[in-house]
Amino acid sequence: MGSSEIEMARRAIDQGNWDEALRALEHVTEEDAEALELKATAAYGAGRFESAVAAWEDLHRHFLAGDNPTEAARAAAMIAMY
């Protein structure tokens, strides 16, 4: 995922354009933590709660695989809240 897509998504989220942000992030992979977090935020804002939880689950797996338990715990907390 390129930085231009991340920037487009970030701007769209800042403006409350959730669907635009999701379109910018449609090719997110589990290797891109920032994009996964933005995708979860945009999905939640758009009312797509299952998609938001799925993105947080992907982020959780990403952090576990990268041996980052603190961030994995934060992602798990987000899953539990939604």
Protein backbone atom coordinates (compact mmCIF):
# COMPACT_ATOMS: atom_id res chain seq x y z
CA MET A 1 0.00 0.00 0.00
CA GLY A 2 1.44 3.30 -1.03
CA SER A 3 1.71 6.43 1.05
CA SER A 4 -0.66 8.28 -1.29
CA GLU A 5 -3.48 5.86 -0.47
CA ILE A 6 -2.73 6.24 3.24
CA GLU A 7 -2.82 10.03 2.94
CA MET A 8 -6.07 9.92 0.93
CA ALA A 9 -7.64 7.68 3.57
CA ARG A 10 -6.39 9.86 6.41
CA ARG A 11 -7.83 13.01 4.80
CA ALA A 12 -11.14 11.27 4.10
CA ILE A 13 -11.38 10.09 7.72
CA ASP A 14 -10.60 13.60 8.97
CA GLN A 15 -13.52 14.85 6.86
CA GLY A 16 -15.86 12.04 7.89
CA ASN A 17 -15.89 10.56 4.38
CA TRP A 18 -15.83 6.95 5.58
CA ASP A 19 -16.69 5.31 2.25
CA GLU A 20 -14.03 7.31 0.43
CA ALA A 21 -11.48 6.22 3.03
CA LEU A 22 -12.51 2.59 2.61
CA ARG A 23 -12.13 2.85 -1.17
CA ALA A 24 -8.61 4.22 -0.71
CA LEU A 25 -7.82 1.27 1.57
CA GLU A 26 -9.43 -1.55 -0.39
CA HIS A 27 -6.07 -3.24 -1.10
CA VAL A 28 -4.87 -3.32 2.51
CA THR A 29 -2.80 -6.32 3.50
CA GLU A 30 -1.97 -7.64 6.96
CA GLU A 31 1.58 -6.34 6.56
CA ASP A 32 0.53 -2.69 6.81
CA ALA A 33 -0.44 -1.85 10.40
CA GLU A 34 -1.19 1.82 9.73
CA ALA A 35 -3.52 0.97 6.86
CA LEU A 36 -5.28 -1.70 8.94
CA GLU A 37 -5.90 0.77 11.74
CA LEU A 38 -7.25 3.35 9.30
CA LYS A 39 -9.45 0.70 7.71
CA ALA A 40 -10.89 -0.25 11.11
CA THR A 41 -11.59 3.40 11.89
CA ALA A 42 -13.24 4.05 8.52
CA ALA A 43 -15.33 0.88 8.70
CA TYR A 44 -16.54 1.81 12.18
CA GLY A 45 -17.39 5.34 11.03
CA ALA A 46 -19.33 3.93 8.09
CA GLY A 47 -21.34 1.70 10.40
CA ARG A 48 -19.72 -1.47 9.09
CA PHE A 49 -19.03 -2.92 12.51
CA GLU A 50 -18.18 -6.45 11.36
CA SER A 51 -15.62 -5.03 8.94
CA ALA A 52 -14.18 -2.84 11.67
CA VAL A 53 -13.77 -5.82 13.99
CA ALA A 54 -12.23 -7.87 11.16
CA ALA A 55 -9.66 -5.12 10.53
CA TRP A 56 -8.83 -4.94 14.25
CA GLU A 57 -8.44 -8.74 14.28
CA ASP A 58 -6.04 -8.50 11.34
CA LEU A 59 -4.12 -5.78 13.18
CA HIS A 60 -3.98 -7.96 16.30
CA ARG A 61 -2.52 -10.86 14.28
CA HIS A 62 -0.04 -8.49 12.64
CA PHE A 63 1.29 -7.31 16.00
CA LEU A 64 1.42 -10.82 17.45
CA ALA A 65 3.41 -12.04 14.45
CA GLY A 66 5.75 -9.06 14.83
CA ASP A 67 6.35 -9.80 18.50
CA ASN A 68 4.72 -6.56 19.64
CA PRO A 69 2.53 -7.65 22.58
CA THR A 70 1.70 -4.12 23.71
CA GLU A 71 0.17 -3.15 20.37
CA ALA A 72 -1.45 -6.60 20.07
CA ALA A 73 -3.13 -5.99 23.43
CA ARG A 74 -4.34 -2.57 22.30
CA ALA A 75 -5.84 -4.10 19.16
CA ALA A 76 -7.50 -6.80 21.28
CA ALA A 77 -8.99 -4.10 23.51
CA MET A 78 -10.44 -2.40 20.46
CA ILE A 79 -12.01 -5.70 19.37
CA ALA A 80 -13.52 -6.13 22.83
CA MET A 81 -14.98 -2.60 22.80
CA TYR A 82 -16.76 -3.12 19.49
